[in-house]
C-alpha atoms as a PDB file:
ATOM      1  CA  UNK A   1     -23.577   0.474 -18.422  1.00  0.00           C
ATOM      2  CA  UNK A   2     -22.624  -3.215 -18.437  1.00  0.00           C
ATOM      3  CA  UNK A   3     -19.233  -3.420 -17.091  1.00  0.00           C
ATOM      4  CA  UNK A   4     -16.596  -5.973 -17.079  1.00  0.00           C
ATOM      5  CA  UNK A   5     -13.426  -6.532 -15.181  1.00  0.00           C
ATOM      6  CA  UNK A   6     -10.762  -7.844 -17.732  1.00  0.00           C
ATOM      7  CA  UNK A   7      -7.115  -7.859 -18.453  1.00  0.00           C
ATOM      8  CA  UNK A   8      -5.492  -5.440 -20.841  1.00  0.00           C
ATOM      9  CA  UNK A   9      -2.334  -6.672 -22.464  1.00  0.00           C
ATOM     10  CA  UNK A  10       0.824  -4.727 -22.829  1.00  0.00           C
ATOM     11  CA  UNK A  11       4.600  -5.359 -23.032  1.00  0.00           C
ATOM     12  CA  UNK A  12       6.386  -7.073 -26.009  1.00  0.00           C
ATOM     13  CA  UNK A  13       6.531 -10.581 -27.626  1.00  0.00           C
ATOM     14  CA  UNK A  14       7.213 -13.343 -25.031  1.00  0.00           C
ATOM     15  CA  UNK A  15       7.174 -10.895 -22.218  1.00  0.00           C
ATOM     16  CA  UNK A  16       3.720  -9.721 -21.489  1.00  0.00           C
ATOM     17  CA  UNK A  17       2.138  -7.851 -18.629  1.00  0.00           C
ATOM     18  CA  UNK A  18      -1.587  -7.177 -18.033  1.00  0.00           C
ATOM     19  CA  UNK A  19      -3.409  -4.179 -16.659  1.00  0.00           C
ATOM     20  CA  UNK A  20      -6.530  -5.098 -14.627  1.00  0.00           C
ATOM     21  CA  UNK A  21      -9.105  -2.644 -15.888  1.00  0.00           C
ATOM     22  CA  UNK A  22     -12.770  -1.972 -15.761  1.00  0.00           C
ATOM     23  CA  UNK A  23     -14.341  -1.543 -19.216  1.00  0.00           C
ATOM     24  CA  UNK A  24     -17.667  -1.256 -20.918  1.00  0.00           C
ATOM     25  CA  UNK A  25     -18.524  -4.856 -21.927  1.00  0.00           C
ATOM     26  CA  UNK A  26     -19.689  -3.637 -25.304  1.00  0.00           C
ATOM     27  CA  UNK A  27     -16.255  -2.160 -26.295  1.00  0.00           C
ATOM     28  CA  UNK A  28     -13.387  -3.942 -27.824  1.00  0.00           C
ATOM     29  CA  UNK A  29     -10.459  -5.340 -25.606  1.00  0.00           C
ATOM     30  CA  UNK A  30      -8.267  -2.389 -26.503  1.00  0.00           C
ATOM     31  CA  UNK A  31     -10.900   0.280 -26.055  1.00  0.00           C
ATOM     32  CA  UNK A  32     -11.327   2.957 -23.651  1.00  0.00           C
ATOM     33  CA  UNK A  33     -10.717   2.097 -19.818  1.00  0.00           C
ATOM     34  CA  UNK A  34     -13.312   3.286 -17.309  1.00  0.00           C
ATOM     35  CA  UNK A  35     -11.019   2.422 -14.227  1.00  0.00           C
ATOM     36  CA  UNK A  36      -7.546   0.736 -13.666  1.00  0.00           C
ATOM     37  CA  UNK A  37      -7.591  -1.610 -10.739  1.00  0.00           C
ATOM     38  CA  UNK A  38      -4.143  -3.158 -10.855  1.00  0.00           C
ATOM     39  CA  UNK A  39      -1.361  -5.072 -12.564  1.00  0.00           C
ATOM     40  CA  UNK A  40      -0.719  -8.484 -13.403  1.00  0.00           C
ATOM     41  CA  UNK A  41       2.910  -9.469 -14.576  1.00  0.00           C
ATOM     42  CA  UNK A  42       2.931 -13.284 -15.214  1.00  0.00           C
ATOM     43  CA  UNK A  43       6.467 -13.514 -16.416  1.00  0.00           C
ATOM     44  CA  UNK A  44       8.277 -11.756 -13.485  1.00  0.00           C
ATOM     45  CA  UNK A  45      10.738 -13.617 -11.649  1.00  0.00           C
ATOM     46  CA  UNK A  46      10.996 -15.332  -9.016  1.00  0.00           C
ATOM     47  CA  UNK A  47       7.099 -15.424  -8.987  1.00  0.00           C
ATOM     48  CA  UNK A  48       4.411 -13.477 -10.725  1.00  0.00           C
ATOM     49  CA  UNK A  49       3.793  -9.956  -9.767  1.00  0.00           C
ATOM     50  CA  UNK A  50       0.004  -9.281  -8.784  1.00  0.00           C
ATOM     51  CA  UNK A  51      -0.836  -5.806  -7.606  1.00  0.00           C
ATOM     52  CA  UNK A  52      -4.635  -5.173  -7.009  1.00  0.00           C
ATOM     53  CA  UNK A  53      -6.307  -2.360  -5.341  1.00  0.00           C
ATOM     54  CA  UNK A  54      -8.742  -4.425  -3.204  1.00  0.00           C
ATOM     55  CA  UNK A  55     -10.914  -1.506  -2.460  1.00  0.00           C
ATOM     56  CA  UNK A  56     -11.551  -0.596  -6.056  1.00  0.00           C
ATOM     57  CA  UNK A  57     -12.220  -4.255  -6.899  1.00  0.00           C
ATOM     58  CA  UNK A  58     -14.736  -4.768  -4.246  1.00  0.00           C
ATOM     59  CA  UNK A  59     -16.512  -1.424  -5.172  1.00  0.00           C
ATOM     60  CA  UNK A  60     -16.816  -2.507  -8.825  1.00  0.00           C
ATOM     61  CA  UNK A  61     -18.020  -5.968  -7.927  1.00  0.00           C
ATOM     62  CA  UNK A  62     -20.697  -4.539  -5.613  1.00  0.00           C
ATOM     63  CA  UNK A  63     -21.709  -2.293  -8.562  1.00  0.00           C
ATOM     64  CA  UNK A  64     -22.374  -5.371 -10.561  1.00  0.00           C
ATOM     65  CA  UNK A  65     -19.112  -5.640 -12.800  1.00  0.00           C
ATOM     66  CA  UNK A  66     -18.660  -9.202 -14.180  1.00  0.00           C
ATOM     67  CA  UNK A  67     -15.137 -10.745 -14.133  1.00  0.00           C
ATOM     68  CA  UNK A  68     -13.306 -12.645 -16.970  1.00  0.00           C
ATOM     69  CA  UNK A  69     -12.063 -16.089 -16.000  1.00  0.00           C
ATOM     70  CA  UNK A  70      -8.390 -15.073 -15.694  1.00  0.00           C
ATOM     71  CA  UNK A  71      -9.380 -12.116 -13.564  1.00  0.00           C
ATOM     72  CA  UNK A  72     -11.416 -14.460 -11.334  1.00  0.00           C
ATOM     73  CA  UNK A  73      -8.294 -16.513 -10.776  1.00  0.00           C
ATOM     74  CA  UNK A  74      -6.188 -13.470 -10.073  1.00  0.00           C
ATOM     75  CA  UNK A  75      -8.632 -12.197  -7.575  1.00  0.00           C
ATOM     76  CA  UNK A  76      -9.021 -15.610  -5.774  1.00  0.00           C
ATOM     77  CA  UNK A  77      -5.275 -15.435  -5.346  1.00  0.00           C
ATOM     78  CA  UNK A  78      -5.369 -12.072  -3.713  1.00  0.00           C
ATOM     79  CA  UNK A  79      -8.266 -12.599  -1.654  1.00  0.00           C
ATOM     80  CA  UNK A  80     -10.527 -10.202  -3.369  1.00  0.00           C
ATOM     81  CA  UNK A  81     -13.308 -12.632  -3.740  1.00  0.00           C
ATOM     82  CA  UNK A  82     -13.392 -13.526  -0.172  1.00  0.00           C
ATOM     83  CA  UNK A  83     -13.399  -9.861   0.705  1.00  0.00           C
ATOM     84  CA  UNK A  84     -16.379  -9.227  -1.527  1.00  0.00           C
ATOM     85  CA  UNK A  85     -18.391 -12.102  -0.117  1.00  0.00           C
ATOM     86  CA  UNK A  86     -17.626 -11.496   3.509  1.00  0.00           C
ATOM     87  CA  UNK A  87     -17.650  -7.679   3.178  1.00  0.00           C
ATOM     88  CA  UNK A  88     -14.469  -7.384   5.087  1.00  0.00           C
ATOM     89  CA  UNK A  89     -11.424  -5.966   3.303  1.00  0.00           C
ATOM     90  CA  UNK A  90      -8.096  -7.608   4.130  1.00  0.00           C
ATOM     91  CA  UNK A  91      -5.657  -5.888   6.471  1.00  0.00           C
ATOM     92  CA  UNK A  92      -2.726  -4.088   5.112  1.00  0.00           C
ATOM     93  CA  UNK A  93       0.582  -6.024   4.984  1.00  0.00           C
ATOM     94  CA  UNK A  94       2.774  -5.796   8.044  1.00  0.00           C
ATOM     95  CA  UNK A  95       5.430  -3.887   6.285  1.00  0.00           C
ATOM     96  CA  UNK A  96       3.177  -1.252   4.996  1.00  0.00           C
ATOM     97  CA  UNK A  97       1.752  -0.442   8.425  1.00  0.00           C
ATOM     98  CA  UNK A  98       4.217   1.479  10.743  1.00  0.00           C
ATOM     99  CA  UNK A  99       4.259   0.013  14.193  1.00  0.00           C
ATOM    100  CA  UNK A 100       3.320   2.442  16.926  1.00  0.00           C
ATOM    101  CA  UNK A 101       6.044   3.512  19.380  1.00  0.00           C
ATOM    102  CA  UNK A 102       5.122   2.510  22.788  1.00  0.00           C
ATOM    103  CA  UNK A 103       7.477   3.878  25.464  1.00  0.00           C
ATOM    104  CA  UNK A 104       7.570   2.169  28.874  1.00  0.00           C
ATOM    105  CA  UNK A 105       7.700   4.542  32.111  1.00  0.00           C
ATOM    106  CA  UNK A 106      11.455   3.570  32.667  1.00  0.00           C
ATOM    107  CA  UNK A 107      12.454   4.519  29.174  1.00  0.00           C
ATOM    108  CA  UNK A 108      10.612   7.846  29.329  1.00  0.00           C
ATOM    109  CA  UNK A 109      12.329   8.673  32.742  1.00  0.00           C
ATOM    110  CA  UNK A 110      15.797   7.803  31.356  1.00  0.00           C
ATOM    111  CA  UNK A 111      15.211  10.126  28.280  1.00  0.00           C
ATOM    112  CA  UNK A 112      13.976  13.064  30.368  1.00  0.00           C
ATOM    113  CA  UNK A 113      16.970  12.520  32.897  1.00  0.00           C
ATOM    114  CA  UNK A 114      19.413  12.548  30.038  1.00  0.00           C
ATOM    115  CA  UNK A 115      17.829  15.663  28.519  1.00  0.00           C
ATOM    116  CA  UNK A 116      18.010  17.390  31.867  1.00  0.00           C
ATOM    117  CA  UNK A 117      21.864  16.491  32.378  1.00  0.00           C
ATOM    118  CA  UNK A 118      22.561  17.792  28.913  1.00  0.00           C
ATOM    119  CA  UNK A 119      20.736  21.012  29.541  1.00  0.00           C
ATOM    120  CA  UNK A 120      22.508  21.390  32.904  1.00  0.00           C
ATOM    121  CA  UNK A 121      25.917  20.729  31.421  1.00  0.00           C
ATOM    122  CA  UNK A 122      25.218  23.317  28.661  1.00  0.00           C
ATOM    123  CA  UNK A 123      24.203  25.877  31.150  1.00  0.00           C
ATOM    124  CA  UNK A 124      27.209  25.288  33.265  1.00  0.00           C
ATOM    125  CA  UNK A 125      29.571  25.583  30.195  1.00  0.00           C
ATOM    126  CA  UNK A 126      27.686  28.857  29.275  1.00  0.00           C
ATOM    127  CA  UNK A 127      28.059  30.296  32.656  1.00  0.00           C
ATOM    128  CA  UNK A 128      31.826  29.661  32.845  1.00  0.00           C
ATOM    129  CA  UNK A 129      32.333  31.301  29.440  1.00  0.00           C
ATOM    130  CA  UNK A 130      30.152  34.326  30.320  1.00  0.00           C
ATOM    131  CA  UNK A 131      31.868  34.919  33.639  1.00  0.00           C
ATOM    132  CA  UNK A 132      35.111  35.052  31.868  1.00  0.00           C
ATOM    133  CA  UNK A 133      34.061  37.632  29.463  1.00  0.00           C
ATOM    134  CA  UNK A 134      32.697  39.868  32.138  1.00  0.00           C
ATOM    135  CA  UNK A 135      36.133  40.136  34.008  1.00  0.00           C
END
């Protein structure tokens, strides 16, 4: 099947948005979609919104899918073409990746010491109340 990556228009008059889709090149523009790769919203403010699944895009390009001219421009803005040429996918954005929690030995010791004192004070309080009830 000859596939092409193109934009599929949605939205209303003077406020378009486009879905970046993979389609059979012999079908019409509004035809059946093989795969949905992303979203391009040129009229969003303050800047155009571009959401592309880079892994899917690189996979379809490696299978021989052709790009329309506008999709080529959008892919170059998001770094999909460089990822395809080098074979290295871009890293996730720093906000999307959770930072690992690294505890220093001093912090770990203070946490353990605080837990021990809390346990000891709760045990002491429990013994005083239990002693009063046995008398």
